[in-house]
N, C-alpha and C. Protein backbone atom coordinates (compact mmCIF):
# COMPACT_ATOMS: atom_id res chain seq x y z
N UNK A 1 53.78 -3.04 36.46
CA UNK A 1 53.14 -3.66 36.88
C UNK A 1 52.67 -4.91 35.39
N UNK A 2 52.38 -6.01 35.95
CA UNK A 2 52.17 -7.31 34.66
C UNK A 2 50.51 -6.61 34.46
N UNK A 3 50.67 -6.63 33.29
CA UNK A 3 49.34 -6.34 32.88
C UNK A 3 47.78 -7.56 33.09
N UNK A 4 48.88 -9.07 32.60
CA UNK A 4 47.96 -9.85 33.13
C UNK A 4 47.32 -10.01 34.35
N UNK A 5 48.09 -9.27 35.60
CA UNK A 5 47.29 -9.09 36.85
C UNK A 5 45.98 -8.36 36.85
N UNK A 6 46.20 -7.01 36.45
CA UNK A 6 45.30 -5.80 36.28
C UNK A 6 44.03 -6.63 35.53
N UNK A 7 44.55 -7.47 34.15
CA UNK A 7 43.16 -8.22 33.60
C UNK A 7 42.44 -8.99 34.53
N UNK A 8 42.99 -9.83 35.31
CA UNK A 8 42.65 -10.56 36.25
C UNK A 8 41.72 -10.19 37.57
N UNK A 9 42.24 -9.14 37.53
CA UNK A 9 41.86 -8.54 38.76
C UNK A 9 40.60 -8.02 38.40
N UNK A 10 40.25 -7.62 37.14
CA UNK A 10 38.96 -6.84 36.34
C UNK A 10 38.05 -8.23 36.43
N UNK A 11 38.63 -9.47 35.47
CA UNK A 11 37.86 -10.46 34.84
C UNK A 11 37.22 -11.13 35.65
N UNK A 12 38.07 -11.43 37.12
CA UNK A 12 37.23 -12.23 38.30
C UNK A 12 36.16 -11.72 39.11
N UNK A 13 35.82 -10.67 39.57
CA UNK A 13 35.11 -9.84 40.20
C UNK A 13 33.70 -9.66 39.14
N UNK A 14 34.12 -9.47 37.69
CA UNK A 14 33.08 -9.01 36.87
C UNK A 14 32.10 -10.24 36.46
N UNK A 15 33.10 -11.10 35.91
CA UNK A 15 32.47 -12.85 36.10
C UNK A 15 31.80 -13.42 37.13
N UNK A 16 32.07 -13.42 38.24
CA UNK A 16 31.44 -13.77 39.16
C UNK A 16 30.50 -13.24 39.55
N UNK A 17 30.17 -11.85 39.63
CA UNK A 17 28.90 -11.14 39.61
C UNK A 17 27.89 -11.57 38.71
N UNK A 18 28.22 -11.38 37.47
CA UNK A 18 27.86 -12.27 36.18
C UNK A 18 27.03 -13.75 36.61
N UNK A 19 27.93 -14.26 36.87
CA UNK A 19 27.71 -15.81 37.08
C UNK A 19 26.61 -15.82 38.28
N UNK A 20 26.88 -15.04 39.49
CA UNK A 20 25.96 -15.46 40.51
C UNK A 20 24.46 -14.81 40.28
N UNK A 21 24.57 -13.39 39.41
CA UNK A 21 23.18 -13.00 39.35
C UNK A 21 22.17 -14.05 38.12
N UNK A 22 23.04 -14.70 37.32
CA UNK A 22 22.17 -15.79 36.23
C UNK A 22 22.14 -16.63 37.12
N UNK A 23 22.46 -16.99 37.74
CA UNK A 23 22.17 -18.41 38.32
C UNK A 23 21.11 -18.19 39.64
N UNK A 24 21.14 -17.05 40.28
CA UNK A 24 20.15 -16.61 40.87
C UNK A 24 18.86 -16.73 40.44
N UNK A 25 18.55 -15.92 38.95
CA UNK A 25 17.72 -15.47 38.50
C UNK A 25 17.16 -16.97 37.74
N UNK A 26 18.28 -18.02 37.63
CA UNK A 26 17.50 -19.29 36.93
C UNK A 26 17.32 -20.44 38.09
N UNK A 27 17.57 -20.00 39.40
CA UNK A 27 17.17 -20.68 40.80
C UNK A 27 15.62 -20.35 40.68
N UNK A 28 15.38 -19.06 40.55
CA UNK A 28 14.09 -18.60 41.30
C UNK A 28 13.15 -18.87 39.55
N UNK A 29 13.30 -19.02 38.09
CA UNK A 29 12.84 -19.20 37.84
C UNK A 29 12.42 -20.40 37.26
N UNK A 30 14.08 -21.73 37.74
CA UNK A 30 13.68 -22.69 37.27
C UNK A 30 12.43 -23.29 38.48
N UNK A 31 12.29 -22.89 39.58
CA UNK A 31 11.75 -23.64 40.36
C UNK A 31 10.02 -24.25 39.88
N UNK A 32 9.27 -23.10 38.94
CA UNK A 32 8.19 -23.01 38.30
C UNK A 32 7.99 -24.21 37.44
N UNK A 33 9.33 -24.23 36.50
CA UNK A 33 9.84 -25.49 35.68
C UNK A 33 9.81 -26.88 36.11
N UNK A 34 10.50 -26.69 37.19
CA UNK A 34 10.29 -28.07 38.26
C UNK A 34 9.11 -28.41 38.67
N UNK A 35 8.47 -27.59 39.15
CA UNK A 35 7.14 -27.94 39.99
C UNK A 35 5.88 -28.50 38.90
N UNK A 36 6.39 -28.13 38.01
CA UNK A 36 5.63 -28.65 36.74
C UNK A 36 5.99 -30.22 36.32
N UNK A 37 7.22 -30.31 36.36
CA UNK A 37 7.67 -31.23 35.75
C UNK A 37 7.98 -32.48 36.67
N UNK A 38 7.69 -32.40 38.27
CA UNK A 38 7.97 -32.90 39.07
C UNK A 38 6.10 -33.27 39.92
N UNK A 39 5.26 -32.76 39.40
CA UNK A 39 4.13 -32.96 39.48
C UNK A 39 3.80 -31.89 41.47
N UNK A 40 4.55 -31.08 41.05
CA UNK A 40 3.99 -29.99 42.66
C UNK A 40 4.46 -30.73 43.91
N UNK A 41 5.74 -31.62 44.01
CA UNK A 41 6.54 -31.95 44.97
C UNK A 41 7.55 -31.27 45.36
N UNK A 42 6.94 -30.39 46.11
CA UNK A 42 7.59 -28.83 46.71
C UNK A 42 9.05 -29.27 47.48
N UNK A 43 8.94 -30.43 47.90
CA UNK A 43 10.04 -30.75 48.86
C UNK A 43 11.37 -31.23 47.98
N UNK A 44 11.05 -32.22 47.13
CA UNK A 44 12.11 -32.74 45.83
C UNK A 44 12.17 -31.54 44.94
N UNK A 45 11.62 -30.67 44.93
CA UNK A 45 11.89 -29.63 43.51
C UNK A 45 12.70 -29.01 44.34
N UNK A 46 12.56 -28.35 45.90
CA UNK A 46 13.88 -27.25 46.15
C UNK A 46 15.12 -27.97 46.16
N UNK A 47 15.45 -29.36 46.56
CA UNK A 47 16.02 -30.17 46.66
C UNK A 47 17.12 -30.32 45.81
N UNK A 48 16.43 -30.66 44.63
CA UNK A 48 16.79 -30.70 43.21
C UNK A 48 17.34 -29.14 42.69
N UNK A 49 16.28 -28.55 42.93
CA UNK A 49 17.00 -26.87 42.33
C UNK A 49 18.20 -26.44 42.98
N UNK A 50 18.17 -26.47 44.46
CA UNK A 50 19.60 -26.37 45.13
C UNK A 50 20.49 -26.73 44.51
N UNK A 51 20.69 -28.25 44.25
CA UNK A 51 21.90 -28.90 43.67
C UNK A 51 22.11 -28.35 42.52
N UNK A 52 20.79 -27.80 41.41
CA UNK A 52 21.15 -27.37 40.57
C UNK A 52 22.08 -26.05 40.45
N UNK A 53 21.84 -25.48 41.20
CA UNK A 53 22.46 -24.10 41.69
C UNK A 53 23.83 -23.97 41.74
N UNK A 54 24.30 -24.89 42.57
CA UNK A 54 25.14 -25.23 42.94
C UNK A 54 26.52 -26.18 42.25
N UNK A 55 25.74 -26.79 41.24
CA UNK A 55 26.72 -27.37 40.15
C UNK A 55 26.80 -26.11 39.25
N UNK A 56 25.83 -25.58 38.56
CA UNK A 56 25.99 -23.84 38.20
C UNK A 56 27.31 -23.26 38.19
N UNK A 57 27.23 -23.08 39.54
CA UNK A 57 28.26 -21.93 40.21
C UNK A 57 29.35 -23.06 39.98
N UNK A 58 30.03 -24.07 40.26
CA UNK A 58 31.01 -25.05 40.40
C UNK A 58 31.53 -25.10 39.22
N UNK A 59 31.04 -25.47 37.86
CA UNK A 59 31.02 -25.22 37.17
C UNK A 59 31.73 -23.95 36.40
N UNK A 60 30.47 -22.96 36.58
CA UNK A 60 30.81 -21.93 35.71
C UNK A 60 31.83 -21.10 36.53
N UNK A 61 32.12 -20.89 37.79
CA UNK A 61 33.07 -20.28 38.21
C UNK A 61 34.54 -21.37 38.08
N UNK A 62 34.39 -22.88 38.27
CA UNK A 62 35.77 -23.32 38.11
C UNK A 62 36.07 -22.83 36.96
N UNK A 63 34.96 -22.56 35.72
CA UNK A 63 35.75 -22.56 34.28
C UNK A 63 36.07 -21.25 34.18
N UNK A 64 35.83 -20.00 35.12
CA UNK A 64 36.50 -18.73 34.82
C UNK A 64 37.43 -18.92 35.30
N UNK A 65 38.03 -19.40 37.02
CA UNK A 65 39.42 -19.59 37.47
C UNK A 65 40.53 -20.02 36.77
N UNK A 66 39.74 -20.99 36.37
CA UNK A 66 40.36 -21.88 35.71
C UNK A 66 41.08 -21.14 33.88
């Protein structure tokens, strides 16, 4: 069996788990920073925070796959 396949089958789940846990942590803790930054506009902060989370996932997981 090709060792690259084994390495990638171990690498992708590990890096996905790390990326998702880090993104969720940043999502929860970043909301407080954004609330202070946007003067307590909760609806705007929630939308921006979700967009930042999705962008974080797309960039990091895309880079990991490539």
